[in-house]
Amino acid sequence: MARIEGVPAERAGLFKRLVYWMTQRKVGKVVEPLQIAAHHSPIFRGYIGYEYALTQSHRVDVKLKTLASLKTGALVGCPF
C-alpha cells in the first residue's frame, strides 16, 4: 500500500493513458508503481524507458529474468 494515491486514468495525459492501456492489456491491471511514477513526468518516462529496455534485452534468458524478478519481489516484500 502506497502512502500517496496514484494518478487515475481520467487525470492522466494521452501518453500516460496509452501506457495504462498497454499495461492493462499485458498484466490485467494498471500496477500501482506505474500510477505513482505518473505524478512526475520525467520519472515516468525514465521508468517506461527502463521497462521497455528490459523487455527488449536478449542477453539473458527470459525465464531467468522472470525468476530474478520474482526473487527480487519476494526479498523486498512486493505484493505484486
N, C-alpha and C. Protein backbone atom coordinates (compact mmCIF):
# COMPACT_ATOMS: atom_id res chain seq x y z
N MET A 1 0.84 -1.17 0.00
CA MET A 1 0.00 0.00 0.00
C MET A 1 0.88 1.24 0.00
N ALA A 2 0.69 2.09 -0.98
CA ALA A 2 1.49 3.30 -1.09
C ALA A 2 0.96 4.40 -0.17
N ARG A 3 1.83 5.31 0.18
CA ARG A 3 1.41 6.42 1.04
C ARG A 3 0.66 7.50 0.27
N ILE A 4 0.85 7.53 -1.05
CA ILE A 4 0.13 8.50 -1.88
C ILE A 4 -0.72 7.76 -2.90
N GLU A 5 -1.74 8.42 -3.37
CA GLU A 5 -2.61 7.84 -4.38
C GLU A 5 -1.96 7.98 -5.75
N GLY A 6 -2.17 7.00 -6.59
CA GLY A 6 -1.67 7.06 -7.95
C GLY A 6 -2.51 7.98 -8.81
N VAL A 7 -2.00 8.30 -9.99
CA VAL A 7 -2.72 9.15 -10.93
C VAL A 7 -3.75 8.30 -11.65
N PRO A 8 -5.05 8.61 -11.50
CA PRO A 8 -6.07 7.82 -12.21
C PRO A 8 -6.04 8.12 -13.70
N ALA A 9 -6.58 7.21 -14.48
CA ALA A 9 -6.57 7.36 -15.93
C ALA A 9 -7.32 8.61 -16.38
N GLU A 10 -8.33 9.01 -15.62
CA GLU A 10 -9.12 10.19 -16.00
C GLU A 10 -8.30 11.48 -15.94
N ARG A 11 -7.32 11.53 -15.04
CA ARG A 11 -6.48 12.72 -14.90
C ARG A 11 -5.18 12.62 -15.69
N ALA A 12 -4.89 11.47 -16.24
CA ALA A 12 -3.63 11.26 -16.96
C ALA A 12 -3.70 11.85 -18.36
N GLY A 13 -2.55 12.22 -18.87
CA GLY A 13 -2.46 12.73 -20.23
C GLY A 13 -2.54 11.60 -21.25
N LEU A 14 -2.42 11.96 -22.49
CA LEU A 14 -2.57 11.00 -23.58
C LEU A 14 -1.51 9.89 -23.51
N PHE A 15 -0.24 10.25 -23.31
CA PHE A 15 0.83 9.25 -23.24
C PHE A 15 0.63 8.31 -22.05
N LYS A 16 0.27 8.87 -20.92
CA LYS A 16 0.08 8.05 -19.72
C LYS A 16 -1.12 7.12 -19.88
N ARG A 17 -2.19 7.61 -20.52
CA ARG A 17 -3.34 6.74 -20.76
C ARG A 17 -2.98 5.61 -21.71
N LEU A 18 -2.13 5.89 -22.70
CA LEU A 18 -1.67 4.85 -23.62
C LEU A 18 -0.86 3.79 -22.86
N VAL A 19 0.03 4.23 -21.99
CA VAL A 19 0.83 3.30 -21.19
C VAL A 19 -0.06 2.50 -20.25
N TYR A 20 -1.04 3.16 -19.63
CA TYR A 20 -2.00 2.47 -18.77
C TYR A 20 -2.74 1.38 -19.55
N TRP A 21 -3.18 1.73 -20.76
CA TRP A 21 -3.92 0.76 -21.59
C TRP A 21 -3.04 -0.44 -21.94
N MET A 22 -1.78 -0.17 -22.32
CA MET A 22 -0.87 -1.26 -22.67
C MET A 22 -0.60 -2.15 -21.45
N THR A 23 -0.44 -1.55 -20.29
CA THR A 23 -0.21 -2.32 -19.07
C THR A 23 -1.44 -3.14 -18.71
N GLN A 24 -2.60 -2.54 -18.84
CA GLN A 24 -3.86 -3.25 -18.56
C GLN A 24 -3.97 -4.47 -19.47
N ARG A 25 -3.60 -4.30 -20.72
CA ARG A 25 -3.69 -5.38 -21.69
C ARG A 25 -2.68 -6.49 -21.40
N LYS A 26 -1.48 -6.11 -20.99
CA LYS A 26 -0.43 -7.10 -20.78
C LYS A 26 -0.53 -7.78 -19.42
N VAL A 27 -0.81 -7.02 -18.36
CA VAL A 27 -0.77 -7.55 -17.00
C VAL A 27 -2.16 -7.88 -16.46
N GLY A 28 -3.18 -7.18 -16.94
CA GLY A 28 -4.53 -7.40 -16.45
C GLY A 28 -5.02 -6.28 -15.56
N LYS A 29 -4.11 -5.43 -15.10
CA LYS A 29 -4.47 -4.26 -14.30
C LYS A 29 -3.35 -3.24 -14.41
N VAL A 30 -3.64 -2.02 -14.04
CA VAL A 30 -2.62 -0.98 -14.02
C VAL A 30 -1.92 -1.08 -12.67
N VAL A 31 -0.65 -1.39 -12.68
CA VAL A 31 0.08 -1.63 -11.45
C VAL A 31 0.33 -0.31 -10.70
N GLU A 32 0.36 -0.41 -9.39
CA GLU A 32 0.48 0.76 -8.54
C GLU A 32 1.78 1.55 -8.74
N PRO A 33 2.95 0.92 -8.88
CA PRO A 33 4.16 1.71 -9.09
C PRO A 33 4.11 2.59 -10.34
N LEU A 34 3.40 2.11 -11.35
CA LEU A 34 3.25 2.89 -12.57
C LEU A 34 2.40 4.13 -12.31
N GLN A 35 1.33 3.97 -11.56
CA GLN A 35 0.47 5.11 -11.24
C GLN A 35 1.18 6.11 -10.34
N ILE A 36 2.00 5.63 -9.44
CA ILE A 36 2.76 6.53 -8.56
C ILE A 36 3.80 7.30 -9.36
N ALA A 37 4.50 6.63 -10.26
CA ALA A 37 5.51 7.29 -11.08
C ALA A 37 4.89 8.32 -12.02
N ALA A 38 3.61 8.18 -12.33
CA ALA A 38 2.94 9.10 -13.24
C ALA A 38 2.79 10.50 -12.66
N HIS A 39 3.03 10.68 -11.37
CA HIS A 39 2.97 12.01 -10.77
C HIS A 39 4.05 12.94 -11.31
N HIS A 40 5.16 12.38 -11.72
CA HIS A 40 6.30 13.19 -12.18
C HIS A 40 6.70 12.70 -13.56
N SER A 41 6.43 13.49 -14.58
CA SER A 41 6.60 13.05 -15.97
C SER A 41 8.01 12.57 -16.32
N PRO A 42 9.08 13.27 -15.93
CA PRO A 42 10.41 12.75 -16.26
C PRO A 42 10.70 11.39 -15.63
N ILE A 43 10.27 11.19 -14.40
CA ILE A 43 10.46 9.89 -13.76
C ILE A 43 9.63 8.83 -14.47
N PHE A 44 8.42 9.18 -14.85
CA PHE A 44 7.53 8.26 -15.56
C PHE A 44 8.16 7.83 -16.89
N ARG A 45 8.68 8.79 -17.64
CA ARG A 45 9.32 8.45 -18.93
C ARG A 45 10.55 7.58 -18.72
N GLY A 46 11.34 7.86 -17.68
CA GLY A 46 12.50 7.04 -17.37
C GLY A 46 12.10 5.62 -16.98
N TYR A 47 11.05 5.51 -16.19
CA TYR A 47 10.53 4.21 -15.75
C TYR A 47 10.07 3.39 -16.95
N ILE A 48 9.34 4.03 -17.85
CA ILE A 48 8.85 3.35 -19.05
C ILE A 48 10.02 2.96 -19.94
N GLY A 49 11.00 3.84 -20.08
CA GLY A 49 12.18 3.52 -20.89
C GLY A 49 12.95 2.34 -20.33
N TYR A 50 13.09 2.30 -19.02
CA TYR A 50 13.79 1.19 -18.38
C TYR A 50 13.05 -0.13 -18.61
N GLU A 51 11.73 -0.12 -18.38
CA GLU A 51 10.94 -1.34 -18.57
C GLU A 51 10.97 -1.80 -20.01
N TYR A 52 10.93 -0.87 -20.96
CA TYR A 52 10.99 -1.23 -22.37
C TYR A 52 12.34 -1.86 -22.70
N ALA A 53 13.42 -1.23 -22.24
CA ALA A 53 14.75 -1.76 -22.50
C ALA A 53 14.94 -3.14 -21.87
N LEU A 54 14.36 -3.33 -20.70
CA LEU A 54 14.47 -4.63 -20.04
C LEU A 54 13.77 -5.72 -20.84
N THR A 55 12.59 -5.42 -21.39
CA THR A 55 11.87 -6.42 -22.17
C THR A 55 12.53 -6.68 -23.52
N GLN A 56 13.24 -5.69 -24.06
CA GLN A 56 13.89 -5.85 -25.37
C GLN A 56 15.27 -6.49 -25.28
N SER A 57 15.83 -6.57 -24.09
CA SER A 57 17.15 -7.15 -23.91
C SER A 57 17.09 -8.67 -24.12
N HIS A 58 18.01 -9.16 -24.91
CA HIS A 58 18.05 -10.60 -25.20
C HIS A 58 19.36 -11.25 -24.73
N ARG A 59 20.09 -10.57 -23.86
CA ARG A 59 21.34 -11.14 -23.36
C ARG A 59 21.12 -12.20 -22.30
N VAL A 60 20.00 -12.10 -21.61
CA VAL A 60 19.67 -13.04 -20.55
C VAL A 60 18.38 -13.76 -20.96
N ASP A 61 18.31 -15.05 -20.68
CA ASP A 61 17.13 -15.84 -21.00
C ASP A 61 15.90 -15.27 -20.30
N VAL A 62 14.76 -15.32 -20.98
CA VAL A 62 13.51 -14.77 -20.45
C VAL A 62 13.12 -15.46 -19.13
N LYS A 63 13.31 -16.76 -19.06
CA LYS A 63 12.97 -17.49 -17.83
C LYS A 63 13.83 -17.02 -16.66
N LEU A 64 15.09 -16.75 -16.91
CA LEU A 64 15.98 -16.27 -15.86
C LEU A 64 15.59 -14.87 -15.40
N LYS A 65 15.20 -14.00 -16.35
CA LYS A 65 14.74 -12.66 -15.99
C LYS A 65 13.49 -12.73 -15.12
N THR A 66 12.58 -13.61 -15.48
CA THR A 66 11.35 -13.77 -14.70
C THR A 66 11.66 -14.29 -13.30
N LEU A 67 12.55 -15.25 -13.22
CA LEU A 67 12.93 -15.79 -11.91
C LEU A 67 13.60 -14.72 -11.05
N ALA A 68 14.47 -13.92 -11.63
CA ALA A 68 15.14 -12.86 -10.89
C ALA A 68 14.12 -11.81 -10.42
N SER A 69 13.14 -11.51 -11.25
CA SER A 69 12.11 -10.56 -10.89
C SER A 69 11.27 -11.07 -9.71
N LEU A 70 10.91 -12.34 -9.75
CA LEU A 70 10.15 -12.94 -8.65
C LEU A 70 10.95 -12.96 -7.35
N LYS A 71 12.21 -13.30 -7.44
CA LYS A 71 13.06 -13.34 -6.25
C LYS A 71 13.23 -11.95 -5.65
N THR A 72 13.44 -10.96 -6.50
CA THR A 72 13.59 -9.59 -6.02
C THR A 72 12.31 -9.12 -5.34
N GLY A 73 11.17 -9.41 -5.95
CA GLY A 73 9.89 -9.05 -5.35
C GLY A 73 9.68 -9.70 -4.00
N ALA A 74 10.09 -10.95 -3.89
CA ALA A 74 9.95 -11.65 -2.61
C ALA A 74 10.87 -11.06 -1.54
N LEU A 75 12.07 -10.65 -1.95
CA LEU A 75 13.02 -10.09 -0.98
C LEU A 75 12.57 -8.75 -0.43
N VAL A 76 11.96 -7.91 -1.29
CA VAL A 76 11.55 -6.59 -0.83
C VAL A 76 10.12 -6.57 -0.33
N GLY A 77 9.42 -7.68 -0.41
CA GLY A 77 8.05 -7.76 0.10
C GLY A 77 7.02 -7.13 -0.81
N CYS A 78 7.24 -7.20 -2.11
CA CYS A 78 6.31 -6.62 -3.08
C CYS A 78 5.07 -7.52 -3.18
N PRO A 79 3.88 -6.96 -3.00
CA PRO A 79 2.67 -7.80 -3.08
C PRO A 79 2.31 -8.19 -4.50
N PHE A 80 2.86 -7.49 -5.50
CA PHE A 80 2.55 -7.79 -6.89
C PHE A 80 3.56 -8.77 -7.40
